[in-house]
């Protein structure tokens, strides 16, 4: 039986008064107690799913990962996430947790137990007690960045995204990681962050980068970031935001650049782009995201620009479902009938829009102007 003894709860007044807790976790696998930190988004909704982010070397990385995830989830499109950090600095325990055999590069006996503690105790505990999404991400630094690679050695990796900060690589890891990444058919993210200062591992890290870049695999999303002014210590503060950008880029609202270079230049129906974007989120992360008003307005602008009336009709139906109390769905539908040369249907639809709440740039006055124009033109 596992027992969890809560010893400290800290309330952080930051952004939305989010809660961070610290626990002593009784590990059967390790036969010892471990110091673990948790961050849970404020006002968690049991009907929502939250990606799980595991942070090794939490004494160094946890606060930075939590602060960045909170900022990005509020301002930059990233989904709210649960973060769990395993503290490893006391009494040099990280060296035991992440130790490997210098000959074969595989985890030591203690490392195997630590591996099982994370994968068979800590993560299942969170999955059982909280509304976690299937998508899981892990951060590691130095020797813990090397250690996280061992989850790639399983046929079904528990993690979908790996963020490796200046890894101290075990023997043959520079060839093993590319080889293992090449075996997965599911969508995988691998982020390698390194400093500009030369270290004993620089040559192996560059070989690792070369090996992963050589892979030709659509399901692998690989990112390499080198910070020339960082050293081995300061690099831990770099790149965390960039990693979230790379992994959760699909969550961002449609940008002006995306609108110009991907939507307007595509030969597919405009609405198809929106469908693909939001279905991609479901397929990749295992949960849906409400359609953002920004994205609806971008697609609306594109339907007008490309005179794509069928996409406008599809968009109007989506708006009725996503924003049912507003005039948006009926206003777009009224424009569709207007452009299709069906003035009676257009008039009735604009009348419905007029009775509903305004939203964004759409006002009752605009609906009234449409109605007056149709009456004047067709004598209704």
Protein backbone atom coordinates (compact mmCIF):
# COMPACT_ATOMS: atom_id res chain seq x y z
CA UNK A 1 0.00 0.00 0.00
CA UNK A 2 1.15 3.51 -0.76
CA UNK A 3 0.73 6.20 1.82
CA UNK A 4 0.97 9.90 1.18
CA UNK A 5 1.75 12.21 4.09
CA UNK A 6 1.20 15.87 3.32
CA UNK A 7 3.71 17.99 5.24
CA UNK A 8 3.44 21.39 3.61
CA UNK A 9 0.96 23.34 1.51
CA UNK A 10 2.01 26.67 0.00
CA UNK A 11 -0.50 29.02 -1.56
CA UNK A 12 1.08 31.11 -4.30
CA UNK A 13 -0.66 34.40 -5.07
CA UNK A 14 0.36 34.62 -8.66
CA UNK A 15 -1.81 35.02 -11.72
CA UNK A 16 -4.94 33.19 -10.50
CA UNK A 17 -3.94 32.20 -6.95
CA UNK A 18 -2.73 28.82 -8.11
CA UNK A 19 -1.88 26.13 -5.58
CA UNK A 20 1.46 24.42 -5.15
CA UNK A 21 1.77 21.62 -2.63
CA UNK A 22 4.71 19.64 -1.32
CA UNK A 23 4.39 16.05 -0.13
CA UNK A 24 6.40 13.21 1.23
CA UNK A 25 5.64 10.28 -1.08
CA UNK A 26 6.02 6.81 0.45
CA UNK A 27 7.58 4.74 -2.33
CA UNK A 28 7.27 0.97 -2.20
CA UNK A 29 9.64 0.61 -5.17
CA UNK A 30 12.38 2.71 -3.59
CA UNK A 31 11.61 1.64 -0.02
CA UNK A 32 12.05 5.25 1.02
CA UNK A 33 10.23 8.53 1.28
CA UNK A 34 10.64 11.06 -1.50
CA UNK A 35 10.05 14.79 -1.52
CA UNK A 36 7.60 15.68 -4.31
CA UNK A 37 6.03 18.99 -5.38
CA UNK A 38 2.76 19.49 -7.25
CA UNK A 39 1.19 22.37 -9.12
CA UNK A 40 -2.52 22.21 -9.89
CA UNK A 41 -4.25 24.85 -12.02
CA UNK A 42 -6.75 26.99 -10.12
CA UNK A 43 -10.41 26.06 -10.37
CA UNK A 44 -9.70 22.66 -11.88
CA UNK A 45 -12.69 21.26 -13.76
CA UNK A 46 -13.28 17.53 -13.49
CA UNK A 47 -14.80 17.61 -16.98
CA UNK A 48 -11.53 18.88 -18.46
CA UNK A 49 -8.33 16.97 -19.09
CA UNK A 50 -4.95 18.38 -18.08
CA UNK A 51 -1.58 17.40 -19.60
CA UNK A 52 0.86 16.06 -17.01
CA UNK A 53 4.35 17.54 -16.85
CA UNK A 54 6.99 15.64 -14.82
CA UNK A 55 10.02 17.64 -13.69
CA UNK A 56 13.17 15.85 -12.57
CA UNK A 57 15.75 17.86 -10.62
CA UNK A 58 12.78 19.82 -9.31
CA UNK A 59 14.94 21.78 -6.87
CA UNK A 60 16.40 23.53 -9.92
CA UNK A 61 13.60 23.41 -12.47
CA UNK A 62 10.19 23.13 -10.80
CA UNK A 63 9.56 26.80 -10.03
CA UNK A 64 10.69 27.85 -13.51
CA UNK A 65 8.55 25.24 -15.26
CA UNK A 66 5.50 26.12 -13.17
CA UNK A 67 5.90 29.88 -13.62
CA UNK A 68 6.35 29.51 -17.39
CA UNK A 69 3.44 27.10 -17.78
CA UNK A 70 1.17 29.47 -15.83
CA UNK A 71 2.22 32.42 -17.97
CA UNK A 72 1.86 30.53 -21.24
CA UNK A 73 -1.51 29.01 -20.33
CA UNK A 74 -2.86 32.46 -19.55
CA UNK A 75 -1.36 34.48 -22.38
CA UNK A 76 0.10 32.22 -25.06
CA UNK A 77 -2.31 29.44 -25.90
CA UNK A 78 -0.82 26.58 -23.88
CA UNK A 79 -3.38 24.37 -22.08
CA UNK A 80 -3.48 24.47 -18.30
CA UNK A 81 -1.35 21.60 -17.02
CA UNK A 82 -0.61 19.62 -13.88
CA UNK A 83 3.09 19.77 -12.95
CA UNK A 84 4.80 17.30 -10.62
CA UNK A 85 8.39 17.83 -9.53
CA UNK A 86 10.70 15.29 -7.88
CA UNK A 87 13.25 16.95 -5.60
CA UNK A 88 16.67 15.33 -5.88
CA UNK A 89 19.25 17.71 -4.42
CA UNK A 90 19.33 16.66 -0.77
CA UNK A 91 22.34 14.50 0.16
CA UNK A 92 23.29 14.17 -3.50
CA UNK A 93 20.45 11.75 -4.09
CA UNK A 94 20.21 12.77 -7.76
CA UNK A 95 23.54 11.03 -8.37
CA UNK A 96 22.07 7.79 -7.04
CA UNK A 97 18.72 8.19 -8.81
CA UNK A 98 20.28 8.83 -12.20
CA UNK A 99 23.42 6.70 -11.96
CA UNK A 100 24.31 4.44 -14.89
CA UNK A 101 26.79 1.66 -15.54
CA UNK A 102 29.88 3.25 -17.12
CA UNK A 103 30.37 0.20 -19.32
CA UNK A 104 26.92 -0.39 -20.85
CA UNK A 105 25.24 2.96 -20.11
CA UNK A 106 22.18 1.36 -18.49
CA UNK A 107 20.68 2.49 -15.16
CA UNK A 108 22.20 1.30 -11.91
CA UNK A 109 20.15 -0.81 -9.48
CA UNK A 110 19.00 2.34 -7.68
CA UNK A 111 18.30 3.96 -11.05
CA UNK A 112 16.02 1.07 -12.04
CA UNK A 113 14.05 1.52 -8.83
CA UNK A 114 13.82 5.28 -9.37
CA UNK A 115 12.58 4.59 -12.92
CA UNK A 116 9.84 2.33 -11.54
CA UNK A 117 8.96 4.87 -8.85
CA UNK A 118 8.20 7.49 -11.52
CA UNK A 119 6.45 5.23 -14.00
CA UNK A 120 4.69 2.75 -11.74
CA UNK A 121 3.88 4.81 -8.65
CA UNK A 122 3.97 8.57 -9.07
CA UNK A 123 2.31 8.89 -12.50
CA UNK A 124 -0.39 6.23 -11.82
CA UNK A 125 -1.19 8.01 -8.55
CA UNK A 126 -1.81 11.27 -10.41
CA UNK A 127 -3.74 9.55 -13.21
CA UNK A 128 -5.97 7.87 -10.64
CA UNK A 129 -6.67 10.92 -8.50
CA UNK A 130 -6.74 13.78 -11.01
CA UNK A 131 -8.17 14.48 -14.44
CA UNK A 132 -4.95 13.97 -16.39
CA UNK A 133 -4.85 13.88 -20.17
CA UNK A 134 -3.08 11.06 -22.05
CA UNK A 135 -0.40 13.56 -23.11
CA UNK A 136 2.64 13.59 -20.79
CA UNK A 137 5.82 15.66 -20.87
CA UNK A 138 9.10 15.40 -18.93
CA UNK A 139 11.91 17.86 -18.13
CA UNK A 140 15.43 16.89 -17.09
CA UNK A 141 18.74 18.68 -16.57
CA UNK A 142 22.29 17.35 -16.73
CA UNK A 143 22.25 13.72 -15.48
CA UNK A 144 18.46 13.69 -15.09
CA UNK A 145 18.19 14.83 -18.74
CA UNK A 146 20.10 11.68 -19.64
CA UNK A 147 17.99 9.56 -17.31
CA UNK A 148 14.68 10.54 -18.92
CA UNK A 149 15.86 8.91 -22.16
CA UNK A 150 15.42 5.49 -20.58
CA UNK A 151 11.66 5.83 -21.05
CA UNK A 152 12.36 5.73 -24.78
CA UNK A 153 13.68 2.20 -24.33
CA UNK A 154 10.13 0.90 -23.75
CA UNK A 155 7.93 0.04 -26.73
CA UNK A 156 5.18 2.26 -25.33
CA UNK A 157 6.86 5.36 -23.94
CA UNK A 158 4.88 6.84 -21.07
CA UNK A 159 5.98 10.31 -22.25
CA UNK A 160 5.04 12.07 -25.46
CA UNK A 161 7.40 15.04 -25.07
CA UNK A 162 10.98 15.13 -23.76
CA UNK A 163 12.84 18.32 -22.82
CA UNK A 164 16.53 17.60 -22.35
CA UNK A 165 18.58 20.47 -20.89
CA UNK A 166 22.35 20.10 -21.27
CA UNK A 167 22.39 16.32 -20.80
CA UNK A 168 25.32 14.41 -19.36
CA UNK A 169 25.04 11.42 -21.66
CA UNK A 170 25.60 7.79 -20.74
CA UNK A 171 27.73 5.64 -23.08
CA UNK A 172 26.14 5.10 -26.52
CA UNK A 173 23.18 7.34 -25.68
CA UNK A 174 23.94 9.58 -28.67
CA UNK A 175 23.15 6.63 -30.96
CA UNK A 176 20.53 4.89 -28.83
CA UNK A 177 18.19 7.88 -28.61
CA UNK A 178 17.87 8.38 -32.41
CA UNK A 179 17.44 4.64 -32.84
CA UNK A 180 14.64 4.50 -30.29
CA UNK A 181 12.90 7.63 -31.56
CA UNK A 182 12.81 6.05 -34.99
CA UNK A 183 10.73 3.13 -33.70
CA UNK A 184 7.70 5.09 -32.49
CA UNK A 185 4.66 5.50 -34.68
CA UNK A 186 2.87 7.91 -32.34
CA UNK A 187 3.51 11.64 -32.33
CA UNK A 188 6.66 12.38 -30.29
CA UNK A 189 8.38 15.62 -29.31
CA UNK A 190 12.06 15.84 -28.43
CA UNK A 191 13.63 19.16 -27.40
CA UNK A 192 17.39 19.45 -26.87
CA UNK A 193 18.64 22.62 -25.13
CA UNK A 194 22.38 23.27 -24.83
CA UNK A 195 24.74 26.03 -23.75
CA UNK A 196 27.40 27.74 -25.85
CA UNK A 197 30.17 26.95 -23.37
CA UNK A 198 32.08 23.80 -24.26
CA UNK A 199 31.71 20.87 -21.83
CA UNK A 200 32.96 17.31 -21.71
CA UNK A 201 29.66 16.24 -23.25
CA UNK A 202 29.49 18.77 -26.09
CA UNK A 203 30.83 16.37 -28.72
CA UNK A 204 28.38 13.63 -27.74
CA UNK A 205 25.48 16.10 -27.64
CA UNK A 206 26.32 17.29 -31.14
CA UNK A 207 26.45 13.68 -32.30
CA UNK A 208 23.03 13.15 -30.71
CA UNK A 209 21.70 16.19 -32.57
CA UNK A 210 23.11 14.91 -35.86
CA UNK A 211 21.59 11.48 -35.31
CA UNK A 212 18.10 12.80 -34.57
CA UNK A 213 18.21 15.28 -37.47
CA UNK A 214 19.00 12.40 -39.82
CA UNK A 215 15.70 10.71 -39.02
CA UNK A 216 13.01 11.09 -41.67
CA UNK A 217 9.89 10.58 -39.61
CA UNK A 218 6.69 12.63 -39.85
CA UNK A 219 5.57 11.71 -36.35
CA UNK A 220 8.77 13.02 -34.73
CA UNK A 221 8.94 16.71 -33.84
CA UNK A 222 12.56 17.53 -33.00
CA UNK A 223 13.87 20.90 -31.84
CA UNK A 224 17.42 21.96 -31.04
CA UNK A 225 18.22 25.24 -29.31
CA UNK A 226 21.73 26.44 -28.48
CA UNK A 227 22.24 29.51 -26.30
CA UNK A 228 25.70 30.84 -27.00
CA UNK A 229 25.90 33.14 -23.95
CA UNK A 230 24.81 30.45 -21.48
CA UNK A 231 27.08 28.16 -19.48
CA UNK A 232 26.25 24.78 -17.97
CA UNK A 233 24.65 26.36 -14.90
CA UNK A 234 22.72 29.23 -16.46
CA UNK A 235 21.37 27.17 -19.37
CA UNK A 236 18.78 25.72 -16.99
CA UNK A 237 17.02 29.10 -17.08
CA UNK A 238 16.94 29.20 -20.88
CA UNK A 239 14.61 27.57 -23.31
CA UNK A 240 11.73 26.40 -21.11
CA UNK A 241 9.31 28.83 -22.75
CA UNK A 242 10.64 27.87 -26.18
CA UNK A 243 10.02 24.22 -25.36
CA UNK A 244 6.39 24.96 -24.49
CA UNK A 245 6.12 26.97 -27.71
CA UNK A 246 7.35 24.03 -29.73
CA UNK A 247 5.27 21.35 -28.05
CA UNK A 248 2.01 23.26 -27.65
CA UNK A 249 2.22 25.44 -30.75
CA UNK A 250 -1.02 23.97 -32.07
CA UNK A 251 -2.87 25.55 -29.12
CA UNK A 252 -1.89 29.08 -30.08
CA UNK A 253 -4.50 31.27 -31.73
CA UNK A 254 -4.14 31.68 -35.50
CA UNK A 255 -1.50 34.35 -36.06
CA UNK A 256 -1.40 36.96 -38.84
CA UNK A 257 1.54 35.10 -40.37
CA UNK A 258 -0.32 31.79 -40.24
CA UNK A 259 -3.35 33.46 -41.83
CA UNK A 260 -1.32 34.85 -44.72
CA UNK A 261 1.07 31.97 -45.38
CA UNK A 262 -1.09 28.92 -44.65
CA UNK A 263 -4.79 29.75 -44.86
CA UNK A 264 -4.88 32.18 -47.78
CA UNK A 265 -2.41 30.13 -49.82
CA UNK A 266 -4.15 26.77 -49.31
CA UNK A 267 -6.23 25.17 -52.06
CA UNK A 268 -8.48 23.48 -49.48
CA UNK A 269 -11.75 25.02 -48.26
CA UNK A 270 -11.03 27.63 -45.62
CA UNK A 271 -13.15 25.89 -42.99
CA UNK A 272 -11.12 22.71 -43.46
CA UNK A 273 -8.11 24.47 -41.94
CA UNK A 274 -10.03 25.15 -38.74
CA UNK A 275 -11.36 21.59 -38.58
CA UNK A 276 -7.88 20.15 -39.07
CA UNK A 277 -6.40 22.41 -36.39
CA UNK A 278 -8.88 21.44 -33.69
CA UNK A 279 -9.08 17.77 -34.65
CA UNK A 280 -5.28 17.71 -34.52
CA UNK A 281 -5.43 18.87 -30.90
CA UNK A 282 -7.77 15.98 -30.06
CA UNK A 283 -5.64 13.44 -31.91
CA UNK A 284 -2.35 14.62 -30.40
CA UNK A 285 -3.25 15.59 -26.86
CA UNK A 286 -6.30 13.46 -26.15
CA UNK A 287 -8.76 16.24 -25.34
CA UNK A 288 -10.65 18.97 -27.17
CA UNK A 289 -10.26 22.73 -26.93
CA UNK A 290 -13.09 25.25 -27.28
CA UNK A 291 -12.80 27.11 -30.57
CA UNK A 292 -11.29 30.53 -29.89
CA UNK A 293 -13.02 33.68 -31.08
CA UNK A 294 -9.74 34.80 -32.65
CA UNK A 295 -9.67 31.68 -34.82
CA UNK A 296 -13.31 32.06 -35.86
CA UNK A 297 -12.69 35.64 -36.94
CA UNK A 298 -9.58 34.62 -38.88
CA UNK A 299 -11.55 31.96 -40.76
CA UNK A 300 -14.42 34.41 -41.33
CA UNK A 301 -12.03 36.94 -42.84
CA UNK A 302 -10.58 34.24 -45.08
CA UNK A 303 -14.01 33.12 -46.30
CA UNK A 304 -14.68 36.69 -47.40
CA UNK A 305 -11.25 37.13 -48.92
CA UNK A 306 -11.49 33.89 -50.92
CA UNK A 307 -15.26 34.10 -51.50
CA UNK A 308 -15.65 30.64 -49.99
CA UNK A 309 -19.39 30.54 -49.28
CA UNK A 310 -19.60 26.88 -48.25
CA UNK A 311 -16.96 27.52 -45.58
CA UNK A 312 -18.98 30.50 -44.40
CA UNK A 313 -22.04 28.26 -43.99
CA UNK A 314 -20.04 25.67 -42.06
CA UNK A 315 -18.58 28.42 -39.88
CA UNK A 316 -22.04 29.74 -39.08
CA UNK A 317 -23.13 26.30 -37.85
CA UNK A 318 -20.02 26.04 -35.68
CA UNK A 319 -20.70 29.45 -34.14
CA UNK A 320 -24.26 28.46 -33.24
CA UNK A 321 -22.79 25.59 -31.24
CA UNK A 322 -19.75 27.31 -29.74
CA UNK A 323 -21.32 30.73 -29.09
CA UNK A 324 -25.07 29.92 -28.90
CA UNK A 325 -26.19 33.09 -27.12
CA UNK A 326 -24.56 35.47 -29.57
CA UNK A 327 -25.60 36.78 -32.97
CA UNK A 328 -22.48 35.46 -34.68
CA UNK A 329 -23.83 32.19 -36.08
CA UNK A 330 -27.01 33.69 -37.51
CA UNK A 331 -25.21 36.80 -38.81
CA UNK A 332 -22.74 34.64 -40.76
CA UNK A 333 -25.60 32.48 -42.02
CA UNK A 334 -27.46 35.62 -43.12
CA UNK A 335 -24.42 36.70 -45.13
CA UNK A 336 -24.27 33.23 -46.68
CA UNK A 337 -27.91 33.46 -47.89
CA UNK A 338 -27.33 37.05 -49.02
CA UNK A 339 -24.37 36.01 -51.18
CA UNK A 340 -26.25 32.95 -52.47
CA UNK A 341 -29.02 35.21 -53.79
CA UNK A 342 -31.71 34.14 -51.32
CA UNK A 343 -32.85 37.48 -49.86
CA UNK A 344 -35.92 36.18 -47.98
CA UNK A 345 -33.87 33.61 -46.09
CA UNK A 346 -31.18 36.22 -45.50
CA UNK A 347 -33.69 38.70 -44.04
CA UNK A 348 -35.21 36.16 -41.66
CA UNK A 349 -31.76 35.06 -40.53
CA UNK A 350 -30.55 38.62 -39.88
CA UNK A 351 -33.75 39.18 -37.86
CA UNK A 352 -32.76 36.24 -35.67
CA UNK A 353 -29.25 37.66 -35.29
CA UNK A 354 -30.69 41.03 -34.27
CA UNK A 355 -32.44 39.41 -31.29
CA UNK A 356 -29.26 37.91 -29.86
CA UNK A 357 -26.25 39.24 -27.95
CA UNK A 358 -23.55 41.28 -29.66
CA UNK A 359 -20.04 39.85 -29.85
CA UNK A 360 -16.70 41.24 -30.96
CA UNK A 361 -17.26 43.58 -33.92
CA UNK A 362 -20.76 42.26 -34.64
CA UNK A 363 -23.45 44.65 -33.40
CA UNK A 364 -27.24 44.85 -33.59
CA UNK A 365 -26.81 47.98 -35.66
CA UNK A 366 -24.96 45.96 -38.31
CA UNK A 367 -27.77 43.40 -38.42
CA UNK A 368 -30.34 46.21 -38.68
CA UNK A 369 -28.42 47.78 -41.57
CA UNK A 370 -28.43 44.43 -43.39
CA UNK A 371 -32.18 44.07 -42.83
CA UNK A 372 -32.93 47.63 -44.04
CA UNK A 373 -30.78 47.15 -47.15
CA UNK A 374 -32.55 43.90 -48.07
CA UNK A 375 -35.97 45.49 -47.58
CA UNK A 376 -35.00 48.48 -49.73
CA UNK A 377 -33.51 46.34 -52.50
CA UNK A 378 -36.27 43.76 -52.71
CA UNK A 379 -39.29 45.64 -51.42
CA UNK A 380 -40.06 43.35 -48.50
